Amino acid sequence: MLAGQSAKEARGKPPPQLQGEQILLRPAREQDVADRLALGRDREIVQMFGSELAENDSYSRSEAERFIDGLRQHPHAWVIEHEGRFLGEIRLDDIDRQHRRARLAVGLFDPGKLGQGLGREAIMLVLKHAFAKMRLHRVDLRVLSYNTRAIRCYQACGFREEGRERQAALVGGKWHDDVIMGILAPEFRAA
């Protein structure tokens, strides 16, 4: 169980549905496996997460099932649904109720949907939930320094760079910094 997490949260009670203009954040369901499998692995997206694809590295049904099952078990994980289909995930991890903080993780898996404001909308919905409903004070995240598209998105949502973990990730044979970003409840409300 996470610091300050209730037993109910640890059992995997599904998160509430959050409706946006273009997207719906909802708990994962069995039917999402086929959509996740169909999206597979895009080389550029995988690289933005700090990994690399081997040649002919396919995404299997069992991997899709494990991925969706992990979302279903997580008390603060949502599927990002767009136009009635699975597009990605967004989570609040490492929730600390005592210090009222969490870490944000988000991923969109369809390269054709990047740059349309869908990730920004998902983040804003989760931040509103985190600060208003969960009464958190701080949400932070980590992003690789070369992922400039994500950094611009986080900045547009109000996150500020707080520091860097130098040469924290080895990707493509090169070392890259991890950028640490955060947003506080008063900053979110002021925006």
C-alpha atoms as a PDB file:
ATOM      1  CA  MET A   1       0.000   0.000   0.000  1.00  0.00           C
ATOM      2  CA  LEU A   2       1.288   3.495  -0.839  1.00  0.00           C
ATOM      3  CA  ALA A   3       2.017   6.065   1.866  1.00  0.00           C
ATOM      4  CA  GLY A   4      -1.291   7.386   3.168  1.00  0.00           C
ATOM      5  CA  GLN A   5      -3.296   5.220   0.756  1.00  0.00           C
ATOM      6  CA  SER A   6      -6.523   3.710   2.042  1.00  0.00           C
ATOM      7  CA  ALA A   7      -7.199  -0.025   1.932  1.00  0.00           C
ATOM      8  CA  LYS A   8     -10.071   0.670  -0.489  1.00  0.00           C
ATOM      9  CA  GLU A   9      -7.666   2.401  -2.906  1.00  0.00           C
ATOM     10  CA  ALA A  10      -5.151  -0.430  -2.653  1.00  0.00           C
ATOM     11  CA  ARG A  11      -7.826  -2.984  -3.703  1.00  0.00           C
ATOM     12  CA  GLY A  12      -8.195  -1.252  -7.040  1.00  0.00           C
ATOM     13  CA  LYS A  13     -11.494   0.615  -6.782  1.00  0.00           C
ATOM     14  CA  PRO A  14     -11.951   2.130 -10.237  1.00  0.00           C
ATOM     15  CA  PRO A  15     -11.431   5.868 -10.641  1.00  0.00           C
ATOM     16  CA  PRO A  16     -14.349   8.127 -11.530  1.00  0.00           C
ATOM     17  CA  GLN A  17     -15.111   8.896 -15.138  1.00  0.00           C
ATOM     18  CA  LEU A  18     -13.915  12.377 -16.228  1.00  0.00           C
ATOM     19  CA  GLN A  19     -15.519  13.928 -19.316  1.00  0.00           C
ATOM     20  CA  GLY A  20     -13.743  16.478 -21.472  1.00  0.00           C
ATOM     21  CA  GLU A  21     -14.679  18.180 -24.733  1.00  0.00           C
ATOM     22  CA  GLN A  22     -12.776  15.774 -27.006  1.00  0.00           C
ATOM     23  CA  ILE A  23     -11.909  12.905 -24.696  1.00  0.00           C
ATOM     24  CA  LEU A  24     -13.314  10.729 -21.960  1.00  0.00           C
ATOM     25  CA  LEU A  25     -11.176   9.471 -19.099  1.00  0.00           C
ATOM     26  CA  ARG A  26     -12.627   6.231 -17.796  1.00  0.00           C
ATOM     27  CA  PRO A  27     -11.615   3.009 -16.084  1.00  0.00           C
ATOM     28  CA  ALA A  28     -10.075   0.375 -18.334  1.00  0.00           C
ATOM     29  CA  ARG A  29     -12.234  -2.505 -19.526  1.00  0.00           C
ATOM     30  CA  GLU A  30     -11.632  -5.828 -21.243  1.00  0.00           C
ATOM     31  CA  GLN A  31     -12.645  -4.445 -24.649  1.00  0.00           C
ATOM     32  CA  ASP A  32      -9.632  -2.073 -24.557  1.00  0.00           C
ATOM     33  CA  VAL A  33      -7.254  -4.980 -25.158  1.00  0.00           C
ATOM     34  CA  ALA A  34      -8.095  -5.127 -28.883  1.00  0.00           C
ATOM     35  CA  ASP A  35      -7.624  -1.351 -29.327  1.00  0.00           C
ATOM     36  CA  ARG A  36      -4.328  -1.380 -27.433  1.00  0.00           C
ATOM     37  CA  LEU A  37      -3.140  -4.327 -29.480  1.00  0.00           C
ATOM     38  CA  ALA A  38      -4.113  -2.587 -32.737  1.00  0.00           C
ATOM     39  CA  LEU A  39      -2.041   0.483 -31.809  1.00  0.00           C
ATOM     40  CA  GLY A  40       1.030  -1.678 -31.249  1.00  0.00           C
ATOM     41  CA  ARG A  41       4.362   0.060 -30.694  1.00  0.00           C
ATOM     42  CA  ASP A  42       5.343   3.166 -32.583  1.00  0.00           C
ATOM     43  CA  ARG A  43       9.124   3.675 -32.710  1.00  0.00           C
ATOM     44  CA  GLU A  44       8.975   7.426 -31.995  1.00  0.00           C
ATOM     45  CA  ILE A  45       6.514   7.077 -29.120  1.00  0.00           C
ATOM     46  CA  VAL A  46       8.539   4.275 -27.536  1.00  0.00           C
ATOM     47  CA  GLN A  47      11.668   6.433 -27.797  1.00  0.00           C
ATOM     48  CA  MET A  48       9.895   9.343 -26.043  1.00  0.00           C
ATOM     49  CA  PHE A  49       9.258   6.957 -23.122  1.00  0.00           C
ATOM     50  CA  GLY A  50      12.989   6.215 -22.975  1.00  0.00           C
ATOM     51  CA  SER A  51      13.031   2.807 -24.630  1.00  0.00           C
ATOM     52  CA  GLU A  52      14.104   1.444 -27.966  1.00  0.00           C
ATOM     53  CA  LEU A  53      12.484  -1.008 -30.352  1.00  0.00           C
ATOM     54  CA  ALA A  54      14.402  -3.889 -31.782  1.00  0.00           C
ATOM     55  CA  GLU A  55      13.838  -4.681 -35.456  1.00  0.00           C
ATOM     56  CA  ASN A  56      10.546  -6.570 -35.892  1.00  0.00           C
ATOM     57  CA  ASP A  57       9.567  -5.916 -32.262  1.00  0.00           C
ATOM     58  CA  SER A  58       5.824  -6.590 -32.293  1.00  0.00           C
ATOM     59  CA  TYR A  59       3.265  -6.034 -29.567  1.00  0.00           C
ATOM     60  CA  SER A  60       1.579  -9.257 -28.478  1.00  0.00           C
ATOM     61  CA  ARG A  61      -1.943  -9.896 -27.258  1.00  0.00           C
ATOM     62  CA  SER A  62      -0.602 -11.071 -23.886  1.00  0.00           C
ATOM     63  CA  GLU A  63       1.298  -7.768 -23.497  1.00  0.00           C
ATOM     64  CA  ALA A  64      -1.885  -5.832 -24.310  1.00  0.00           C
ATOM     65  CA  GLU A  65      -3.843  -7.936 -21.804  1.00  0.00           C
ATOM     66  CA  ARG A  66      -1.238  -7.339 -19.071  1.00  0.00           C
ATOM     67  CA  PHE A  67      -1.200  -3.615 -19.843  1.00  0.00           C
ATOM     68  CA  ILE A  68      -4.989  -3.251 -19.627  1.00  0.00           C
ATOM     69  CA  ASP A  69      -5.157  -5.468 -16.532  1.00  0.00           C
ATOM     70  CA  GLY A  70      -2.563  -3.240 -14.855  1.00  0.00           C
ATOM     71  CA  LEU A  71      -4.745  -0.200 -15.560  1.00  0.00           C
ATOM     72  CA  ARG A  72      -7.815  -2.018 -14.216  1.00  0.00           C
ATOM     73  CA  GLN A  73      -6.028  -2.774 -10.948  1.00  0.00           C
ATOM     74  CA  HIS A  74      -4.686   0.760 -10.472  1.00  0.00           C
ATOM     75  CA  PRO A  75      -6.979   2.980  -8.362  1.00  0.00           C
ATOM     76  CA  HIS A  76      -5.909   6.196 -10.120  1.00  0.00           C
ATOM     77  CA  ALA A  77      -5.431   5.135 -13.747  1.00  0.00           C
ATOM     78  CA  TRP A  78      -7.671   6.097 -16.627  1.00  0.00           C
ATOM     79  CA  VAL A  79      -7.982   5.085 -20.235  1.00  0.00           C
ATOM     80  CA  ILE A  80      -7.926   8.087 -22.548  1.00  0.00           C
ATOM     81  CA  GLU A  81     -10.785   7.465 -24.967  1.00  0.00           C
ATOM     82  CA  HIS A  82     -11.156   9.542 -28.121  1.00  0.00           C
ATOM     83  CA  GLU A  83     -13.888   9.070 -30.711  1.00  0.00           C
ATOM     84  CA  GLY A  84     -15.042   5.941 -28.887  1.00  0.00           C
ATOM     85  CA  ARG A  85     -11.642   4.226 -28.970  1.00  0.00           C
ATOM     86  CA  PHE A  86      -8.713   3.629 -26.663  1.00  0.00           C
ATOM     87  CA  LEU A  87      -6.028   6.240 -27.296  1.00  0.00           C
ATOM     88  CA  GLY A  88      -3.776   5.997 -24.248  1.00  0.00           C
ATOM     89  CA  GLU A  89      -3.496   6.109 -20.497  1.00  0.00           C
ATOM     90  CA  ILE A  90      -3.043   8.630 -17.709  1.00  0.00           C
ATOM     91  CA  ARG A  91      -2.234   7.822 -14.080  1.00  0.00           C
ATOM     92  CA  LEU A  92      -1.509   9.349 -10.731  1.00  0.00           C
ATOM     93  CA  ASP A  93       1.245   7.227  -9.165  1.00  0.00           C
ATOM     94  CA  ASP A  94       3.107   7.339  -5.853  1.00  0.00           C
ATOM     95  CA  ILE A  95       0.204   9.006  -4.055  1.00  0.00           C
ATOM     96  CA  ASP A  96       1.216  10.262  -0.635  1.00  0.00           C
ATOM     97  CA  ARG A  97      -1.852  11.317   1.351  1.00  0.00           C
ATOM     98  CA  GLN A  98       0.147  12.736   4.250  1.00  0.00           C
ATOM     99  CA  HIS A  99       2.082  15.147   2.062  1.00  0.00           C
ATOM    100  CA  ARG A 100      -0.784  15.431  -0.454  1.00  0.00           C
ATOM    101  CA  ARG A 101       1.289  14.722  -3.549  1.00  0.00           C
ATOM    102  CA  ALA A 102       1.378  12.384  -6.552  1.00  0.00           C
ATOM    103  CA  ARG A 103       3.322  11.740  -9.726  1.00  0.00           C
ATOM    104  CA  LEU A 104       1.643  12.058 -13.138  1.00  0.00           C
ATOM    105  CA  ALA A 105       2.263   9.638 -15.987  1.00  0.00           C
ATOM    106  CA  VAL A 106       0.599   9.930 -19.388  1.00  0.00           C
ATOM    107  CA  GLY A 107       0.956   8.178 -22.715  1.00  0.00           C
ATOM    108  CA  LEU A 108      -0.801   8.480 -26.058  1.00  0.00           C
ATOM    109  CA  PHE A 109      -0.118   5.512 -28.348  1.00  0.00           C
ATOM    110  CA  ASP A 110      -1.512   6.690 -31.692  1.00  0.00           C
ATOM    111  CA  PRO A 111       1.066   8.873 -33.505  1.00  0.00           C
ATOM    112  CA  GLY A 112      -1.681  10.268 -35.729  1.00  0.00           C
ATOM    113  CA  LYS A 113      -3.370  11.855 -32.704  1.00  0.00           C
ATOM    114  CA  LEU A 114      -0.317  13.664 -31.313  1.00  0.00           C
ATOM    115  CA  GLY A 115      -0.263  17.463 -31.410  1.00  0.00           C
ATOM    116  CA  GLN A 116      -4.062  17.836 -31.308  1.00  0.00           C
ATOM    117  CA  GLY A 117      -4.385  18.945 -27.688  1.00  0.00           C
ATOM    118  CA  LEU A 118      -5.743  15.600 -26.498  1.00  0.00           C
ATOM    119  CA  GLY A 119      -2.916  14.983 -24.032  1.00  0.00           C
ATOM    120  CA  ARG A 120      -3.278  18.510 -22.668  1.00  0.00           C
ATOM    121  CA  GLU A 121      -7.015  17.989 -22.160  1.00  0.00           C
ATOM    122  CA  ALA A 122      -6.406  14.688 -20.355  1.00  0.00           C
ATOM    123  CA  ILE A 123      -3.794  16.264 -18.077  1.00  0.00           C
ATOM    124  CA  MET A 124      -6.046  19.193 -17.203  1.00  0.00           C
ATOM    125  CA  LEU A 125      -8.931  16.838 -16.331  1.00  0.00           C
ATOM    126  CA  VAL A 126      -6.688  14.789 -14.041  1.00  0.00           C
ATOM    127  CA  LEU A 127      -5.165  17.881 -12.411  1.00  0.00           C
ATOM    128  CA  LYS A 128      -8.635  19.267 -11.699  1.00  0.00           C
ATOM    129  CA  HIS A 129      -9.576  15.937 -10.118  1.00  0.00           C
ATOM    130  CA  ALA A 130      -6.292  15.723  -8.174  1.00  0.00           C
ATOM    131  CA  PHE A 131      -6.535  19.216  -6.699  1.00  0.00           C
ATOM    132  CA  ALA A 132     -10.315  19.547  -6.220  1.00  0.00           C
ATOM    133  CA  LYS A 133     -11.511  16.024  -5.396  1.00  0.00           C
ATOM    134  CA  MET A 134      -8.409  14.350  -3.992  1.00  0.00           C
ATOM    135  CA  ARG A 135      -7.260  17.553  -2.276  1.00  0.00           C
ATOM    136  CA  LEU A 136      -3.649  17.072  -3.358  1.00  0.00           C
ATOM    137  CA  HIS A 137      -1.232  19.967  -3.013  1.00  0.00           C
ATOM    138  CA  ARG A 138       1.409  18.920  -5.534  1.00  0.00           C
ATOM    139  CA  VAL A 139       1.636  16.873  -8.717  1.00  0.00           C
ATOM    140  CA  ASP A 140       4.994  16.262 -10.364  1.00  0.00           C
ATOM    141  CA  LEU A 141       6.374  14.296 -13.275  1.00  0.00           C
ATOM    142  CA  ARG A 142       9.572  13.291 -15.001  1.00  0.00           C
ATOM    143  CA  VAL A 143      10.204  13.631 -18.727  1.00  0.00           C
ATOM    144  CA  LEU A 144      13.254  13.014 -20.883  1.00  0.00           C
ATOM    145  CA  SER A 145      14.931  16.250 -21.964  1.00  0.00           C
ATOM    146  CA  TYR A 146      14.647  15.434 -25.679  1.00  0.00           C
ATOM    147  CA  ASN A 147      10.860  14.971 -25.447  1.00  0.00           C
ATOM    148  CA  THR A 148      10.225  18.625 -26.299  1.00  0.00           C
ATOM    149  CA  ARG A 149       6.645  18.047 -27.453  1.00  0.00           C
ATOM    150  CA  ALA A 150       5.719  16.652 -24.018  1.00  0.00           C
ATOM    151  CA  ILE A 151       7.621  19.418 -22.202  1.00  0.00           C
ATOM    152  CA  ARG A 152       5.689  22.088 -24.143  1.00  0.00           C
ATOM    153  CA  CYS A 153       2.433  20.317 -23.286  1.00  0.00           C
ATOM    154  CA  TYR A 154       3.300  20.153 -19.578  1.00  0.00           C
ATOM    155  CA  GLN A 155       4.268  23.825 -19.568  1.00  0.00           C
ATOM    156  CA  ALA A 156       0.955  24.710 -21.242  1.00  0.00           C
ATOM    157  CA  CYS A 157      -0.781  22.856 -18.378  1.00  0.00           C
ATOM    158  CA  GLY A 158       1.086  24.954 -15.790  1.00  0.00           C
ATOM    159  CA  PHE A 159       3.975  22.657 -14.868  1.00  0.00           C
ATOM    160  CA  ARG A 160       7.302  24.313 -14.131  1.00  0.00           C
ATOM    161  CA  GLU A 161      10.739  22.827 -14.493  1.00  0.00           C
ATOM    162  CA  GLU A 162      12.137  22.245 -11.009  1.00  0.00           C
ATOM    163  CA  GLY A 163      15.389  20.532 -11.838  1.00  0.00           C
ATOM    164  CA  ARG A 164      17.173  17.842 -13.765  1.00  0.00           C
ATOM    165  CA  GLU A 165      18.599  14.478 -13.030  1.00  0.00           C
ATOM    166  CA  ARG A 166      21.682  14.597 -15.234  1.00  0.00           C
ATOM    167  CA  GLN A 167      22.366  11.715 -17.622  1.00  0.00           C
ATOM    168  CA  ALA A 168      19.630   9.605 -16.052  1.00  0.00           C
ATOM    169  CA  ALA A 169      18.665   7.607 -19.145  1.00  0.00           C
ATOM    170  CA  LEU A 170      20.698   5.802 -21.767  1.00  0.00           C
ATOM    171  CA  VAL A 171      18.700   5.860 -25.011  1.00  0.00           C
ATOM    172  CA  GLY A 172      20.147   5.181 -28.434  1.00  0.00           C
ATOM    173  CA  GLY A 173      23.628   4.873 -26.979  1.00  0.00           C
ATOM    174  CA  LYS A 174      23.521   8.417 -25.570  1.00  0.00           C
ATOM    175  CA  TRP A 175      22.889   9.762 -22.089  1.00  0.00           C
ATOM    176  CA  HIS A 176      19.931  12.100 -21.562  1.00  0.00           C
ATOM    177  CA  ASP A 177      18.710  14.198 -18.653  1.00  0.00           C
ATOM    178  CA  ASP A 178      15.442  13.562 -16.849  1.00  0.00           C
ATOM    179  CA  VAL A 179      13.561  16.858 -16.409  1.00  0.00           C
ATOM    180  CA  ILE A 180      11.619  17.134 -13.159  1.00  0.00           C
ATOM    181  CA  MET A 181       8.498  19.287 -13.410  1.00  0.00           C
ATOM    182  CA  GLY A 182       5.795  20.129 -10.890  1.00  0.00           C
ATOM    183  CA  ILE A 183       2.619  22.089 -10.309  1.00  0.00           C
ATOM    184  CA  LEU A 184       1.050  23.170  -7.017  1.00  0.00           C
ATOM    185  CA  ALA A 185      -2.648  23.457  -6.250  1.00  0.00           C
ATOM    186  CA  PRO A 186      -2.553  27.299  -5.894  1.00  0.00           C
ATOM    187  CA  GLU A 187      -0.789  27.597  -9.272  1.00  0.00           C
ATOM    188  CA  PHE A 188      -3.418  25.431 -10.926  1.00  0.00           C
ATOM    189  CA  ARG A 189      -6.282  27.411  -9.376  1.00  0.00           C
ATOM    190  CA  ALA A 190      -4.658  30.709 -10.398  1.00  0.00           C
ATOM    191  CA  ALA A 191      -4.432  29.576 -14.020  1.00  0.00           C
END
